[in-house]
Amino acid sequence: MSQETLDSLIQVMFTLSLQEQVKVIERMQDHVYLQTCDVDPLIREQLKERVEEGIDQIKRGECSTHEEVMERVNQRLERSYAIAV
């Protein structure tokens, strides 16, 4: 890709909303990481599939906040502690 084409692409990306820019940056970082790390191609595909499934779950509302997860963890710890005592 020529420098001029690359600069044009970057200028187009600057017209995106902040949320869209963050998404593009995250995808680019993921892509660069996957291309530079020495991971078996089969494992790489499995990881990509898991990420896509996770994104789909979030879109379907099948997710919990950090606080909800920590509350469940604490409840399990308390139950385990009660059983041990």
N, C-alpha and C. Protein backbone atom coordinates (compact mmCIF):
# COMPACT_ATOMS: atom_id res chain seq x y z
N MET A 1 0.85 -1.17 0.00
CA MET A 1 0.00 0.00 0.00
C MET A 1 0.90 1.23 0.00
N SER A 2 0.56 2.16 -0.83
CA SER A 2 1.37 3.38 -0.90
C SER A 2 1.12 4.25 0.33
N GLN A 3 2.07 5.11 0.60
CA GLN A 3 1.94 6.00 1.75
C GLN A 3 0.72 6.90 1.61
N GLU A 4 0.46 7.33 0.38
CA GLU A 4 -0.70 8.20 0.13
C GLU A 4 -2.00 7.47 0.44
N THR A 5 -2.10 6.22 0.01
CA THR A 5 -3.29 5.43 0.29
C THR A 5 -3.45 5.20 1.79
N LEU A 6 -2.34 4.90 2.45
CA LEU A 6 -2.37 4.69 3.90
C LEU A 6 -2.83 5.96 4.62
N ASP A 7 -2.30 7.09 4.22
CA ASP A 7 -2.71 8.36 4.84
C ASP A 7 -4.19 8.62 4.62
N SER A 8 -4.70 8.30 3.42
CA SER A 8 -6.13 8.48 3.13
C SER A 8 -6.97 7.58 4.03
N LEU A 9 -6.53 6.35 4.21
CA LEU A 9 -7.24 5.42 5.07
C LEU A 9 -7.29 5.95 6.50
N ILE A 10 -6.18 6.44 6.98
CA ILE A 10 -6.12 7.00 8.34
C ILE A 10 -7.07 8.19 8.47
N GLN A 11 -7.12 9.04 7.47
CA GLN A 11 -8.02 10.19 7.51
C GLN A 11 -9.48 9.75 7.56
N VAL A 12 -9.81 8.70 6.82
CA VAL A 12 -11.18 8.17 6.86
C VAL A 12 -11.48 7.65 8.26
N MET A 13 -10.52 6.97 8.87
CA MET A 13 -10.73 6.43 10.21
C MET A 13 -10.96 7.55 11.22
N PHE A 14 -10.36 8.69 11.02
CA PHE A 14 -10.57 9.81 11.91
C PHE A 14 -11.99 10.36 11.85
N THR A 15 -12.72 10.03 10.79
CA THR A 15 -14.11 10.50 10.68
C THR A 15 -15.08 9.62 11.46
N LEU A 16 -14.61 8.47 11.93
CA LEU A 16 -15.44 7.57 12.71
C LEU A 16 -15.72 8.16 14.09
N SER A 17 -16.79 7.70 14.69
CA SER A 17 -17.08 8.12 16.07
C SER A 17 -15.99 7.57 16.98
N LEU A 18 -15.89 8.12 18.17
CA LEU A 18 -14.88 7.66 19.12
C LEU A 18 -15.05 6.18 19.41
N GLN A 19 -16.28 5.73 19.60
CA GLN A 19 -16.56 4.32 19.87
C GLN A 19 -16.09 3.45 18.70
N GLU A 20 -16.35 3.88 17.48
CA GLU A 20 -15.92 3.13 16.31
C GLU A 20 -14.39 3.11 16.19
N GLN A 21 -13.76 4.23 16.51
CA GLN A 21 -12.29 4.27 16.47
C GLN A 21 -11.69 3.30 17.47
N VAL A 22 -12.26 3.24 18.67
CA VAL A 22 -11.78 2.32 19.69
C VAL A 22 -11.92 0.88 19.20
N LYS A 23 -13.05 0.57 18.57
CA LYS A 23 -13.28 -0.77 18.06
C LYS A 23 -12.24 -1.12 16.99
N VAL A 24 -11.99 -0.19 16.09
CA VAL A 24 -10.99 -0.43 15.03
C VAL A 24 -9.61 -0.65 15.65
N ILE A 25 -9.24 0.17 16.61
CA ILE A 25 -7.93 0.03 17.27
C ILE A 25 -7.82 -1.32 17.96
N GLU A 26 -8.87 -1.72 18.68
CA GLU A 26 -8.84 -3.01 19.37
C GLU A 26 -8.68 -4.16 18.39
N ARG A 27 -9.43 -4.10 17.29
CA ARG A 27 -9.33 -5.17 16.28
C ARG A 27 -7.94 -5.19 15.65
N MET A 28 -7.38 -4.02 15.39
CA MET A 28 -6.04 -3.96 14.80
C MET A 28 -5.00 -4.50 15.78
N GLN A 29 -5.12 -4.14 17.05
CA GLN A 29 -4.18 -4.65 18.05
C GLN A 29 -4.27 -6.16 18.16
N ASP A 30 -5.50 -6.69 18.17
CA ASP A 30 -5.68 -8.14 18.22
C ASP A 30 -5.04 -8.80 17.01
N HIS A 31 -5.25 -8.21 15.86
CA HIS A 31 -4.71 -8.77 14.63
C HIS A 31 -3.17 -8.78 14.66
N VAL A 32 -2.59 -7.67 15.06
CA VAL A 32 -1.13 -7.58 15.13
C VAL A 32 -0.59 -8.59 16.13
N TYR A 33 -1.23 -8.69 17.28
CA TYR A 33 -0.78 -9.65 18.29
C TYR A 33 -0.83 -11.07 17.75
N LEU A 34 -1.95 -11.43 17.13
CA LEU A 34 -2.10 -12.79 16.62
C LEU A 34 -1.10 -13.09 15.50
N GLN A 35 -0.75 -12.07 14.74
CA GLN A 35 0.21 -12.27 13.66
C GLN A 35 1.64 -12.38 14.16
N THR A 36 1.92 -11.80 15.31
CA THR A 36 3.30 -11.78 15.80
C THR A 36 3.58 -12.84 16.85
N CYS A 37 2.55 -13.40 17.45
CA CYS A 37 2.81 -14.42 18.45
C CYS A 37 2.89 -15.79 17.77
N ASP A 38 3.63 -16.67 18.38
CA ASP A 38 3.86 -17.99 17.80
C ASP A 38 2.84 -18.97 18.35
N VAL A 39 1.63 -18.95 17.76
CA VAL A 39 0.54 -19.80 18.22
C VAL A 39 0.16 -20.74 17.08
N ASP A 40 -0.12 -21.97 17.44
CA ASP A 40 -0.57 -22.96 16.46
C ASP A 40 -1.81 -22.42 15.75
N PRO A 41 -1.86 -22.50 14.41
CA PRO A 41 -3.01 -21.96 13.66
C PRO A 41 -4.36 -22.54 14.11
N LEU A 42 -4.39 -23.80 14.49
CA LEU A 42 -5.65 -24.41 14.95
C LEU A 42 -6.10 -23.76 16.25
N ILE A 43 -5.17 -23.54 17.17
CA ILE A 43 -5.49 -22.88 18.44
C ILE A 43 -5.94 -21.45 18.17
N ARG A 44 -5.27 -20.78 17.25
CA ARG A 44 -5.63 -19.40 16.90
C ARG A 44 -7.08 -19.35 16.43
N GLU A 45 -7.49 -20.27 15.58
CA GLU A 45 -8.86 -20.31 15.08
C GLU A 45 -9.85 -20.60 16.21
N GLN A 46 -9.49 -21.51 17.11
CA GLN A 46 -10.36 -21.81 18.24
C GLN A 46 -10.54 -20.58 19.12
N LEU A 47 -9.46 -19.85 19.34
CA LEU A 47 -9.55 -18.64 20.15
C LEU A 47 -10.43 -17.59 19.48
N LYS A 48 -10.28 -17.43 18.18
CA LYS A 48 -11.11 -16.47 17.45
C LYS A 48 -12.59 -16.85 17.57
N GLU A 49 -12.89 -18.15 17.44
CA GLU A 49 -14.27 -18.61 17.56
C GLU A 49 -14.83 -18.32 18.95
N ARG A 50 -14.01 -18.52 19.98
CA ARG A 50 -14.46 -18.25 21.35
C ARG A 50 -14.73 -16.76 21.55
N VAL A 51 -13.88 -15.93 20.98
CA VAL A 51 -14.08 -14.48 21.10
C VAL A 51 -15.38 -14.08 20.40
N GLU A 52 -15.58 -14.60 19.19
CA GLU A 52 -16.80 -14.27 18.46
C GLU A 52 -18.04 -14.73 19.22
N GLU A 53 -17.98 -15.92 19.82
CA GLU A 53 -19.12 -16.42 20.61
C GLU A 53 -19.34 -15.51 21.83
N GLY A 54 -18.26 -15.06 22.46
CA GLY A 54 -18.39 -14.16 23.60
C GLY A 54 -19.04 -12.84 23.20
N ILE A 55 -18.64 -12.32 22.05
CA ILE A 55 -19.24 -11.08 21.56
C ILE A 55 -20.72 -11.28 21.29
N ASP A 56 -21.08 -12.43 20.69
CA ASP A 56 -22.49 -12.74 20.44
C ASP A 56 -23.27 -12.84 21.75
N GLN A 57 -22.68 -13.45 22.78
CA GLN A 57 -23.35 -13.57 24.07
C GLN A 57 -23.61 -12.19 24.67
N ILE A 58 -22.64 -11.32 24.56
CA ILE A 58 -22.81 -9.95 25.08
C ILE A 58 -23.94 -9.26 24.32
N LYS A 59 -23.97 -9.41 23.00
CA LYS A 59 -25.03 -8.78 22.20
C LYS A 59 -26.41 -9.32 22.58
N ARG A 60 -26.48 -10.60 22.98
CA ARG A 60 -27.75 -11.19 23.39
C ARG A 60 -28.10 -10.85 24.85
N GLY A 61 -27.21 -10.13 25.51
CA GLY A 61 -27.46 -9.75 26.90
C GLY A 61 -27.10 -10.84 27.89
N GLU A 62 -26.35 -11.82 27.45
CA GLU A 62 -25.97 -12.94 28.32
C GLU A 62 -24.62 -12.63 28.99
N CYS A 63 -24.62 -11.58 29.77
CA CYS A 63 -23.38 -11.20 30.43
C CYS A 63 -23.69 -10.62 31.81
N SER A 64 -22.67 -10.54 32.63
CA SER A 64 -22.82 -10.00 33.98
C SER A 64 -21.82 -8.87 34.17
N THR A 65 -22.17 -7.96 35.05
CA THR A 65 -21.23 -6.90 35.38
C THR A 65 -20.13 -7.47 36.27
N HIS A 66 -19.05 -6.75 36.39
CA HIS A 66 -17.95 -7.17 37.26
C HIS A 66 -18.45 -7.33 38.69
N GLU A 67 -19.30 -6.40 39.12
CA GLU A 67 -19.82 -6.45 40.48
C GLU A 67 -20.65 -7.71 40.71
N GLU A 68 -21.46 -8.09 39.73
CA GLU A 68 -22.29 -9.29 39.86
C GLU A 68 -21.42 -10.54 39.96
N VAL A 69 -20.39 -10.59 39.14
CA VAL A 69 -19.48 -11.75 39.18
C VAL A 69 -18.78 -11.82 40.52
N MET A 70 -18.29 -10.71 41.02
CA MET A 70 -17.58 -10.70 42.30
C MET A 70 -18.52 -11.08 43.44
N GLU A 71 -19.78 -10.67 43.36
CA GLU A 71 -20.75 -11.03 44.39
C GLU A 71 -20.96 -12.54 44.41
N ARG A 72 -21.08 -13.16 43.22
CA ARG A 72 -21.22 -14.61 43.15
C ARG A 72 -19.99 -15.33 43.68
N VAL A 73 -18.82 -14.80 43.36
CA VAL A 73 -17.57 -15.41 43.86
C VAL A 73 -17.55 -15.35 45.38
N ASN A 74 -17.88 -14.21 45.93
CA ASN A 74 -17.89 -14.06 47.39
C ASN A 74 -18.91 -14.98 48.05
N GLN A 75 -20.07 -15.14 47.43
CA GLN A 75 -21.08 -16.06 47.96
C GLN A 75 -20.56 -17.49 47.99
N ARG A 76 -19.91 -17.90 46.91
CA ARG A 76 -19.35 -19.26 46.87
C ARG A 76 -18.26 -19.43 47.92
N LEU A 77 -17.43 -18.42 48.08
CA LEU A 77 -16.38 -18.50 49.09
C LEU A 77 -16.97 -18.62 50.49
N GLU A 78 -18.02 -17.82 50.75
CA GLU A 78 -18.67 -17.88 52.06
C GLU A 78 -19.29 -19.25 52.30
N ARG A 79 -19.92 -19.83 51.29
CA ARG A 79 -20.50 -21.17 51.43
C ARG A 79 -19.40 -22.21 51.67
N SER A 80 -18.30 -22.10 50.94
CA SER A 80 -17.20 -23.04 51.12
C SER A 80 -16.60 -22.91 52.51
N TYR A 81 -16.49 -21.67 52.98
CA TYR A 81 -15.96 -21.43 54.32
C TYR A 81 -16.90 -22.02 55.37
N ALA A 82 -18.21 -21.83 55.19
CA ALA A 82 -19.20 -22.34 56.14
C ALA A 82 -19.17 -23.88 56.20
N ILE A 83 -18.98 -24.50 55.07
CA ILE A 83 -18.92 -25.96 55.02
C ILE A 83 -17.65 -26.45 55.70
N ALA A 84 -16.55 -25.76 55.50
CA ALA A 84 -15.27 -26.16 56.07
C ALA A 84 -15.26 -26.01 57.59
N VAL A 85 -16.00 -25.04 58.11
CA VAL A 85 -16.02 -24.79 59.55
C VAL A 85 -16.99 -25.70 60.18
